[in-house]
Amino acid sequence: MVLDLTVFGLAITLEPVPVITFILLLSAERGLYKGLAFILAWLSSLVLVLALVVLATGGTPPARSSTSSTAVLGIKLALGVGLIAYGAHRRRRLGRPRTRPAWTARLNRVSVWTASGLAVLVQPWGLVAAGCATAVDADMSRAATYLALTGFCLLSTASLLVMQLYATFAPEAAQDRLTRLSGWIESHEDQAIVAISLLAGLWLVSKSISQLVG
């Protein structure tokens, strides 16, 4: 479970759309406050979904080869296929000219509350769902499980936390470097989404099939 959560946590934190959105918010008026609101909403939504999963399982993983266990593996397999299909769909767009979505031009004027709402909207929910499906196997009677779930949440937020801290303690340098980073990510956005979706999807499909036939 720990390895799976690490894979999905890395995939979430490297997703380009949330990173670009966060950089644009940081560069806006009162950007640090908006960035903090974004991070808090991002973390809160992750924790809430994980908590719902743990409550649904009672903190005990389903028995191996049980109906519940098979159903969870079926869900993981479907999520993996969905990620692969999405990656293949985005791959067909490679090389096409891209323009920044119109809504990003209004990020300079959004409120702190809107910034927090954006965190929920741009969160890569397919990858979050994959992580939460993995958390079904969490045994909450073990302290290591709490550390694994906490690590997943922090890893999923790591890129945002690093940028927020950088902008807080070195605002001038951060402004220049994050702007350049945003431009680079935008020019490689489709490639990144394709790679992340395909790799995460293949990982989920292979693990699910191996457990179904094992």
Protein backbone atom coordinates (compact mmCIF):
# COMPACT_ATOMS: atom_id res chain seq x y z
CA MET A 1 0.00 0.00 0.00
CA VAL A 2 2.80 2.43 0.87
CA LEU A 3 4.42 2.07 -2.57
CA ASP A 4 1.09 2.58 -4.33
CA LEU A 5 0.32 5.69 -2.27
CA THR A 6 3.79 7.03 -3.08
CA VAL A 7 3.21 6.53 -6.81
CA PHE A 8 -0.16 8.27 -6.78
CA GLY A 9 1.05 11.01 -4.45
CA LEU A 10 3.87 11.82 -6.86
CA ALA A 11 1.47 11.77 -9.80
CA ILE A 12 -0.89 14.20 -8.06
CA THR A 13 1.81 16.65 -7.02
CA LEU A 14 3.29 16.72 -10.54
CA GLU A 15 -0.01 17.32 -12.35
CA PRO A 16 0.60 20.48 -14.43
CA VAL A 17 -2.83 22.14 -14.29
CA PRO A 18 -2.91 22.63 -10.49
CA VAL A 19 0.73 23.77 -10.51
CA ILE A 20 0.11 26.38 -13.21
CA THR A 21 -3.05 27.58 -11.47
CA PHE A 22 -1.19 27.89 -8.17
CA ILE A 23 1.67 29.87 -9.73
CA LEU A 24 -0.80 32.30 -11.31
CA LEU A 25 -2.51 32.77 -7.94
CA LEU A 26 0.82 33.42 -6.21
CA SER A 27 1.65 36.12 -8.74
CA ALA A 28 -1.70 37.86 -8.20
CA GLU A 29 -2.47 40.59 -5.66
CA ARG A 30 -2.41 39.12 -2.13
CA GLY A 31 -0.95 36.03 -3.76
CA LEU A 32 0.45 34.51 -0.57
CA TYR A 33 -2.98 34.53 1.08
CA LYS A 34 -4.59 33.06 -2.02
CA GLY A 35 -1.87 30.41 -2.22
CA LEU A 36 -2.41 29.50 1.42
CA ALA A 37 -6.17 29.25 0.91
CA PHE A 38 -5.56 27.02 -2.13
CA ILE A 39 -3.29 24.69 -0.15
CA LEU A 40 -5.66 24.45 2.82
CA ALA A 41 -8.61 23.61 0.57
CA TRP A 42 -6.49 21.13 -1.40
CA LEU A 43 -5.38 19.34 1.77
CA SER A 44 -8.83 19.47 3.34
CA SER A 45 -10.45 17.80 0.34
CA LEU A 46 -7.81 15.07 0.34
CA VAL A 47 -8.21 14.42 4.05
CA LEU A 48 -12.01 14.45 3.77
CA VAL A 49 -12.10 11.87 0.98
CA LEU A 50 -9.61 9.63 2.78
CA ALA A 51 -11.61 9.92 6.00
CA LEU A 52 -14.79 8.88 4.16
CA VAL A 53 -13.00 5.83 2.76
CA VAL A 54 -11.70 4.83 6.19
CA LEU A 55 -15.14 5.32 7.74
CA ALA A 56 -16.70 3.17 5.01
CA THR A 57 -14.27 0.31 5.69
CA GLY A 58 -14.31 0.76 9.45
CA GLY A 59 -10.52 1.04 9.38
CA THR A 60 -10.20 -2.64 8.50
CA PRO A 61 -9.15 -3.84 5.04
CA PRO A 62 -11.56 -6.26 3.33
CA ALA A 63 -10.70 -9.93 3.59
CA ARG A 64 -8.66 -11.33 0.70
CA SER A 65 -10.81 -12.88 -2.08
CA SER A 66 -14.00 -11.61 -0.46
CA THR A 67 -16.77 -9.95 -2.46
CA SER A 68 -15.75 -6.55 -1.10
CA SER A 69 -12.10 -7.09 -1.96
CA THR A 70 -12.98 -8.17 -5.50
CA ALA A 71 -15.25 -5.15 -5.92
CA VAL A 72 -12.47 -2.79 -4.83
CA LEU A 73 -10.06 -4.42 -7.30
CA GLY A 74 -12.68 -3.99 -10.01
CA ILE A 75 -12.92 -0.29 -9.17
CA LYS A 76 -9.13 0.06 -9.27
CA LEU A 77 -9.03 -1.70 -12.62
CA ALA A 78 -11.73 0.62 -14.00
CA LEU A 79 -9.86 3.68 -12.70
CA GLY A 80 -6.65 2.43 -14.30
CA VAL A 81 -8.35 1.87 -17.65
CA GLY A 82 -9.91 5.35 -17.37
CA LEU A 83 -6.51 6.95 -16.75
CA ILE A 84 -5.01 5.11 -19.71
CA ALA A 85 -7.90 6.17 -21.94
CA TYR A 86 -7.51 9.78 -20.82
CA GLY A 87 -3.78 9.67 -21.46
CA ALA A 88 -4.37 8.24 -24.93
CA HIS A 89 -6.95 10.96 -25.61
CA ARG A 90 -4.53 13.71 -24.60
CA ARG A 91 -1.78 12.07 -26.65
CA ARG A 92 -3.78 12.74 -29.82
CA ARG A 93 -3.55 16.45 -29.03
CA LEU A 94 0.23 16.50 -28.94
CA GLY A 95 1.68 19.00 -31.38
CA ARG A 96 -1.49 21.05 -31.71
CA PRO A 97 -1.25 24.77 -30.92
CA ARG A 98 -2.47 25.55 -27.41
CA THR A 99 -3.89 28.68 -25.87
CA ARG A 100 -4.22 29.42 -22.18
CA PRO A 101 -7.85 28.98 -21.00
CA ALA A 102 -9.73 32.29 -20.72
CA TRP A 103 -10.50 31.78 -17.03
CA THR A 104 -6.82 31.94 -16.11
CA ALA A 105 -6.76 35.64 -17.12
CA ARG A 106 -9.17 36.38 -14.27
CA LEU A 107 -7.08 34.74 -11.55
CA ASN A 108 -5.48 38.07 -10.67
CA ARG A 109 -8.86 39.35 -9.48
CA VAL A 110 -10.28 36.32 -7.69
CA SER A 111 -10.95 36.38 -3.96
CA VAL A 112 -9.32 34.18 -1.35
CA TRP A 113 -12.53 32.12 -1.17
CA THR A 114 -12.53 31.62 -4.93
CA ALA A 115 -8.89 30.52 -4.73
CA SER A 116 -9.86 27.84 -2.23
CA GLY A 117 -12.68 26.70 -4.51
CA LEU A 118 -10.27 26.44 -7.42
CA ALA A 119 -8.16 23.99 -5.42
CA VAL A 120 -11.09 21.59 -5.36
CA LEU A 121 -11.96 22.14 -9.03
CA VAL A 122 -8.47 21.60 -10.47
CA GLN A 123 -7.54 18.70 -8.23
CA PRO A 124 -6.80 15.63 -10.41
CA TRP A 125 -9.70 13.60 -9.05
CA GLY A 126 -8.93 10.52 -11.13
CA LEU A 127 -5.55 10.20 -9.42
CA VAL A 128 -7.05 11.10 -6.05
CA ALA A 129 -9.63 8.34 -6.54
CA ALA A 130 -6.83 5.89 -7.30
CA GLY A 131 -5.07 6.86 -4.07
CA CYS A 132 -8.28 6.58 -2.08
CA ALA A 133 -9.06 3.17 -3.60
CA THR A 134 -5.62 2.09 -2.40
CA ALA A 135 -6.47 3.42 1.08
CA VAL A 136 -9.27 0.84 1.29
CA ASP A 137 -6.53 -1.57 2.36
CA ALA A 138 -5.56 0.68 5.28
CA ASP A 139 -5.45 -1.05 8.65
CA MET A 140 -6.09 1.78 11.09
CA SER A 141 -5.05 -0.34 14.07
CA ARG A 142 -1.41 0.18 13.04
CA ALA A 143 0.49 3.41 13.61
CA ALA A 144 2.35 2.93 10.34
CA THR A 145 -0.93 3.29 8.47
CA TYR A 146 -1.48 6.79 9.87
CA LEU A 147 2.04 7.72 8.78
CA ALA A 148 1.43 6.31 5.29
CA LEU A 149 -1.82 8.25 4.81
CA THR A 150 -0.29 11.43 6.21
CA GLY A 151 2.68 10.98 3.90
CA PHE A 152 0.33 10.56 0.94
CA CYS A 153 -1.44 13.83 1.72
CA LEU A 154 1.83 15.71 2.19
CA LEU A 155 3.43 14.22 -0.92
CA SER A 156 0.35 15.12 -2.97
CA THR A 157 0.75 18.70 -1.77
CA ALA A 158 4.55 18.87 -1.84
CA SER A 159 4.96 20.95 -5.00
CA LEU A 160 2.46 23.54 -3.74
CA LEU A 161 4.08 23.72 -0.30
CA VAL A 162 7.54 24.24 -1.80
CA MET A 163 6.32 27.06 -4.03
CA GLN A 164 4.40 28.71 -1.19
CA LEU A 165 7.45 28.64 1.08
CA TYR A 166 9.70 29.90 -1.69
CA ALA A 167 7.36 32.81 -2.44
CA THR A 168 7.12 33.61 1.28
CA PHE A 169 10.83 33.76 2.06
CA ALA A 170 12.25 34.88 -1.31
CA PRO A 171 9.42 36.75 -3.04
CA GLU A 172 11.46 38.54 -5.70
CA ALA A 173 13.43 35.49 -6.80
CA ALA A 174 10.32 33.33 -6.61
CA GLN A 175 8.33 35.68 -8.82
CA ASP A 176 10.85 35.44 -11.64
CA ARG A 177 11.61 31.73 -11.38
CA LEU A 178 8.02 30.60 -10.89
CA THR A 179 6.92 32.65 -13.90
CA ARG A 180 9.56 30.93 -16.01
CA LEU A 181 8.56 27.55 -14.54
CA SER A 182 4.92 28.22 -15.42
CA GLY A 183 5.88 28.99 -19.03
CA TRP A 184 7.94 25.81 -19.28
CA ILE A 185 5.16 23.67 -17.80
CA GLU A 186 2.60 25.19 -20.16
CA SER A 187 4.75 24.32 -23.15
CA HIS A 188 5.02 20.71 -21.92
CA GLU A 189 1.58 20.37 -20.33
CA ASP A 190 0.13 17.78 -22.71
CA GLN A 191 3.27 15.64 -22.59
CA ALA A 192 3.23 15.70 -18.78
CA ILE A 193 -0.46 14.79 -18.56
CA VAL A 194 -0.01 11.95 -21.06
CA ALA A 195 2.99 10.53 -19.20
CA ILE A 196 1.42 10.81 -15.74
CA SER A 197 -1.95 9.39 -16.82
CA LEU A 198 -0.47 6.47 -18.75
CA LEU A 199 2.08 5.53 -16.10
CA ALA A 200 -0.39 5.78 -13.22
CA GLY A 201 -3.05 3.92 -15.23
CA LEU A 202 -0.70 1.11 -16.24
CA TRP A 203 0.51 0.80 -12.64
CA LEU A 204 -3.06 0.52 -11.36
CA VAL A 205 -4.16 -1.93 -14.05
CA SER A 206 -1.16 -4.21 -13.61
CA LYS A 207 -1.49 -4.28 -9.82
CA SER A 208 -5.25 -4.89 -10.00
CA ILE A 209 -4.96 -7.74 -12.52
CA SER A 210 -2.14 -9.41 -10.59
CA GLN A 211 -4.24 -9.34 -7.41
CA LEU A 212 -7.38 -10.55 -9.20
CA VAL A 213 -5.67 -13.58 -10.71
CA GLY A 214 -3.32 -14.18 -7.77
